[in-house]
Amino acid sequence: MKDFAFGKENFILIAVAVALIIIGFVLMSGGGAKDPVSFNPAIFSTQRIVVAPIITVAGFALVVFGILKKPKDAAKIEDEVNTKA
């Protein structure tokens, strides 16, 4: 597994983050009117304008964290190199 830039934890964090982003976008969808002339107030529900964006932004933040987090294997190797030097 030394050939990968990311460790197992990084991939798990990124996968969870992508799932959160998808859930956020699904929560934002819907609320349209069947008749193009009528207005459906469901587009302004709390789920669509508060909850879904928070979940989506949390997913994007988790992606950044998953990318920037140093894998445990790399930290061990770096510690071994520093102690030998």
N, C-alpha and C. Protein backbone atom coordinates (compact mmCIF):
# COMPACT_ATOMS: atom_id res chain seq x y z
N MET A 1 0.83 -1.20 0.00
CA MET A 1 0.00 0.00 0.00
C MET A 1 0.87 1.26 0.00
N LYS A 2 2.17 1.11 -0.13
CA LYS A 2 3.08 2.25 -0.10
C LYS A 2 3.03 3.07 -1.38
N ASP A 3 2.40 2.53 -2.43
CA ASP A 3 2.35 3.25 -3.70
C ASP A 3 1.30 4.34 -3.74
N PHE A 4 0.36 4.33 -2.79
CA PHE A 4 -0.73 5.30 -2.80
C PHE A 4 -0.36 6.55 -2.00
N ALA A 5 -0.85 7.68 -2.45
CA ALA A 5 -0.60 8.94 -1.74
C ALA A 5 -1.45 9.03 -0.48
N PHE A 6 -2.60 8.35 -0.50
CA PHE A 6 -3.52 8.39 0.64
C PHE A 6 -3.56 7.04 1.32
N GLY A 7 -3.85 7.08 2.61
CA GLY A 7 -4.02 5.84 3.37
C GLY A 7 -5.47 5.42 3.37
N LYS A 8 -5.74 4.34 4.07
CA LYS A 8 -7.10 3.78 4.13
C LYS A 8 -8.07 4.79 4.76
N GLU A 9 -7.62 5.44 5.82
CA GLU A 9 -8.47 6.43 6.49
C GLU A 9 -8.85 7.57 5.56
N ASN A 10 -7.91 8.01 4.74
CA ASN A 10 -8.18 9.10 3.81
C ASN A 10 -9.29 8.71 2.83
N PHE A 11 -9.20 7.49 2.29
CA PHE A 11 -10.21 7.04 1.35
C PHE A 11 -11.58 6.91 2.01
N ILE A 12 -11.61 6.45 3.25
CA ILE A 12 -12.88 6.33 3.97
C ILE A 12 -13.47 7.71 4.21
N LEU A 13 -12.65 8.67 4.64
CA LEU A 13 -13.14 10.03 4.87
C LEU A 13 -13.68 10.65 3.59
N ILE A 14 -12.98 10.46 2.50
CA ILE A 14 -13.42 11.03 1.23
C ILE A 14 -14.72 10.38 0.76
N ALA A 15 -14.85 9.06 0.96
CA ALA A 15 -16.09 8.36 0.58
C ALA A 15 -17.27 8.85 1.40
N VAL A 16 -17.07 9.03 2.70
CA VAL A 16 -18.14 9.55 3.55
C VAL A 16 -18.51 10.97 3.14
N ALA A 17 -17.51 11.76 2.79
CA ALA A 17 -17.75 13.14 2.37
C ALA A 17 -18.55 13.18 1.07
N VAL A 18 -18.22 12.32 0.13
CA VAL A 18 -18.97 12.28 -1.14
C VAL A 18 -20.42 11.87 -0.87
N ALA A 19 -20.61 10.92 0.05
CA ALA A 19 -21.97 10.51 0.41
C ALA A 19 -22.74 11.69 1.03
N LEU A 20 -22.08 12.46 1.89
CA LEU A 20 -22.73 13.64 2.48
C LEU A 20 -23.11 14.67 1.42
N ILE A 21 -22.23 14.88 0.46
CA ILE A 21 -22.52 15.84 -0.61
C ILE A 21 -23.72 15.37 -1.42
N ILE A 22 -23.76 14.09 -1.75
CA ILE A 22 -24.90 13.56 -2.51
C ILE A 22 -26.19 13.69 -1.71
N ILE A 23 -26.15 13.37 -0.42
CA ILE A 23 -27.34 13.50 0.42
C ILE A 23 -27.79 14.96 0.47
N GLY A 24 -26.85 15.88 0.58
CA GLY A 24 -27.19 17.30 0.60
C GLY A 24 -27.88 17.76 -0.67
N PHE A 25 -27.37 17.32 -1.82
CA PHE A 25 -28.00 17.70 -3.09
C PHE A 25 -29.36 17.05 -3.26
N VAL A 26 -29.52 15.82 -2.79
CA VAL A 26 -30.84 15.17 -2.86
C VAL A 26 -31.84 15.91 -1.99
N LEU A 27 -31.40 16.35 -0.81
CA LEU A 27 -32.30 17.11 0.07
C LEU A 27 -32.69 18.45 -0.54
N MET A 28 -31.82 19.02 -1.35
CA MET A 28 -32.13 20.30 -1.99
C MET A 28 -33.10 20.16 -3.16
N SER A 29 -33.18 18.98 -3.73
CA SER A 29 -33.99 18.81 -4.93
C SER A 29 -35.48 18.77 -4.60
N GLY A 30 -36.29 18.93 -5.63
CA GLY A 30 -37.75 18.87 -5.47
C GLY A 30 -38.36 20.22 -5.16
N GLY A 31 -39.63 20.19 -4.88
CA GLY A 31 -40.35 21.40 -4.54
C GLY A 31 -40.86 22.18 -5.73
N GLY A 32 -40.71 21.64 -6.90
CA GLY A 32 -41.20 22.33 -8.09
C GLY A 32 -42.70 22.17 -8.25
N ALA A 33 -43.30 23.07 -8.97
CA ALA A 33 -44.74 23.02 -9.21
C ALA A 33 -45.01 22.19 -10.47
N LYS A 34 -46.10 21.46 -10.45
CA LYS A 34 -46.49 20.67 -11.61
C LYS A 34 -47.01 21.57 -12.73
N ASP A 35 -47.65 22.63 -12.34
CA ASP A 35 -48.16 23.61 -13.30
C ASP A 35 -47.18 24.77 -13.36
N PRO A 36 -46.67 25.12 -14.54
CA PRO A 36 -45.66 26.19 -14.61
C PRO A 36 -46.18 27.57 -14.23
N VAL A 37 -47.49 27.73 -14.15
CA VAL A 37 -48.06 29.03 -13.81
C VAL A 37 -48.22 29.19 -12.30
N SER A 38 -48.41 28.08 -11.59
CA SER A 38 -48.67 28.16 -10.15
C SER A 38 -47.35 28.21 -9.37
N PHE A 39 -47.45 28.68 -8.13
CA PHE A 39 -46.30 28.82 -7.24
C PHE A 39 -46.40 27.78 -6.14
N ASN A 40 -45.30 27.08 -5.87
CA ASN A 40 -45.27 26.09 -4.80
C ASN A 40 -44.36 26.61 -3.70
N PRO A 41 -44.93 26.94 -2.53
CA PRO A 41 -44.10 27.49 -1.44
C PRO A 41 -43.15 26.46 -0.82
N ALA A 42 -43.23 25.20 -1.23
CA ALA A 42 -42.36 24.17 -0.67
C ALA A 42 -40.89 24.39 -1.04
N ILE A 43 -40.63 25.24 -2.03
CA ILE A 43 -39.23 25.49 -2.39
C ILE A 43 -38.50 26.26 -1.30
N PHE A 44 -39.24 26.89 -0.41
CA PHE A 44 -38.63 27.65 0.68
C PHE A 44 -38.70 26.91 2.01
N SER A 45 -38.76 25.58 1.98
CA SER A 45 -38.81 24.81 3.23
C SER A 45 -37.45 24.87 3.93
N THR A 46 -37.47 24.66 5.22
CA THR A 46 -36.24 24.69 6.02
C THR A 46 -35.26 23.62 5.54
N GLN A 47 -35.79 22.50 5.13
CA GLN A 47 -34.92 21.41 4.64
C GLN A 47 -34.10 21.85 3.45
N ARG A 48 -34.73 22.59 2.54
CA ARG A 48 -34.05 22.96 1.29
C ARG A 48 -33.14 24.17 1.44
N ILE A 49 -33.46 25.10 2.33
CA ILE A 49 -32.64 26.32 2.38
C ILE A 49 -31.72 26.39 3.59
N VAL A 50 -31.84 25.44 4.54
CA VAL A 50 -30.97 25.47 5.71
C VAL A 50 -30.22 24.15 5.88
N VAL A 51 -30.97 23.07 6.01
CA VAL A 51 -30.38 21.78 6.34
C VAL A 51 -29.49 21.25 5.20
N ALA A 52 -30.03 21.23 3.99
CA ALA A 52 -29.29 20.68 2.85
C ALA A 52 -27.99 21.43 2.57
N PRO A 53 -27.98 22.76 2.56
CA PRO A 53 -26.69 23.45 2.34
C PRO A 53 -25.66 23.18 3.44
N ILE A 54 -26.12 23.06 4.69
CA ILE A 54 -25.19 22.78 5.79
C ILE A 54 -24.56 21.40 5.61
N ILE A 55 -25.37 20.41 5.24
CA ILE A 55 -24.86 19.06 5.01
C ILE A 55 -23.89 19.06 3.83
N THR A 56 -24.23 19.78 2.77
CA THR A 56 -23.37 19.82 1.59
C THR A 56 -22.02 20.50 1.90
N VAL A 57 -22.05 21.61 2.59
CA VAL A 57 -20.80 22.30 2.95
C VAL A 57 -19.97 21.44 3.90
N ALA A 58 -20.63 20.73 4.82
CA ALA A 58 -19.90 19.83 5.71
C ALA A 58 -19.23 18.72 4.91
N GLY A 59 -19.89 18.25 3.86
CA GLY A 59 -19.29 17.24 3.00
C GLY A 59 -18.07 17.77 2.28
N PHE A 60 -18.15 18.98 1.75
CA PHE A 60 -17.00 19.57 1.07
C PHE A 60 -15.84 19.81 2.05
N ALA A 61 -16.16 20.24 3.27
CA ALA A 61 -15.11 20.44 4.28
C ALA A 61 -14.45 19.11 4.64
N LEU A 62 -15.25 18.05 4.71
CA LEU A 62 -14.70 16.73 5.03
C LEU A 62 -13.82 16.21 3.89
N VAL A 63 -14.15 16.55 2.65
CA VAL A 63 -13.28 16.18 1.52
C VAL A 63 -11.92 16.85 1.68
N VAL A 64 -11.92 18.13 2.00
CA VAL A 64 -10.66 18.86 2.18
C VAL A 64 -9.85 18.23 3.32
N PHE A 65 -10.53 17.93 4.42
CA PHE A 65 -9.85 17.31 5.56
C PHE A 65 -9.30 15.94 5.18
N GLY A 66 -10.09 15.16 4.43
CA GLY A 66 -9.65 13.84 4.01
C GLY A 66 -8.44 13.88 3.10
N ILE A 67 -8.35 14.91 2.29
CA ILE A 67 -7.21 15.06 1.40
C ILE A 67 -5.97 15.53 2.17
N LEU A 68 -6.14 16.45 3.09
CA LEU A 68 -5.00 17.03 3.80
C LEU A 68 -4.50 16.19 4.96
N LYS A 69 -5.30 15.26 5.46
CA LYS A 69 -4.90 14.45 6.60
C LYS A 69 -3.73 13.55 6.22
N LYS A 70 -2.73 13.55 7.05
CA LYS A 70 -1.55 12.74 6.78
C LYS A 70 -1.85 11.29 7.17
N PRO A 71 -1.59 10.35 6.27
CA PRO A 71 -1.83 8.94 6.59
C PRO A 71 -0.94 8.49 7.75
N LYS A 72 -1.43 7.53 8.54
CA LYS A 72 -0.66 7.05 9.69
C LYS A 72 0.64 6.39 9.25
N ASP A 73 0.60 5.67 8.14
CA ASP A 73 1.81 5.01 7.64
C ASP A 73 2.90 6.02 7.31
N ALA A 74 2.50 7.13 6.69
CA ALA A 74 3.47 8.16 6.33
C ALA A 74 4.05 8.82 7.57
N ALA A 75 3.23 8.98 8.60
CA ALA A 75 3.72 9.59 9.84
C ALA A 75 4.75 8.67 10.51
N LYS A 76 4.50 7.35 10.49
CA LYS A 76 5.46 6.42 11.09
C LYS A 76 6.78 6.43 10.33
N ILE A 77 6.71 6.43 9.02
CA ILE A 77 7.92 6.44 8.20
C ILE A 77 8.69 7.73 8.43
N GLU A 78 7.95 8.86 8.52
CA GLU A 78 8.62 10.14 8.74
C GLU A 78 9.29 10.17 10.10
N ASP A 79 8.66 9.61 11.12
CA ASP A 79 9.26 9.55 12.45
C ASP A 79 10.52 8.70 12.44
N GLU A 80 10.50 7.57 11.72
CA GLU A 80 11.67 6.71 11.64
C GLU A 80 12.83 7.41 10.94
N VAL A 81 12.53 8.16 9.91
CA VAL A 81 13.57 8.90 9.17
C VAL A 81 14.16 9.97 10.06
N ASN A 82 13.31 10.68 10.81
CA ASN A 82 13.80 11.76 11.67
C ASN A 82 14.64 11.22 12.82
N THR A 83 14.31 10.05 13.35
CA THR A 83 15.10 9.52 14.46
C THR A 83 16.44 8.99 13.99
N LYS A 84 16.53 8.52 12.74
CA LYS A 84 17.80 8.02 12.21
C LYS A 84 18.74 9.15 11.83
N ALA A 85 18.20 10.31 11.53
CA ALA A 85 19.02 11.42 11.05
C ALA A 85 19.70 12.16 12.16
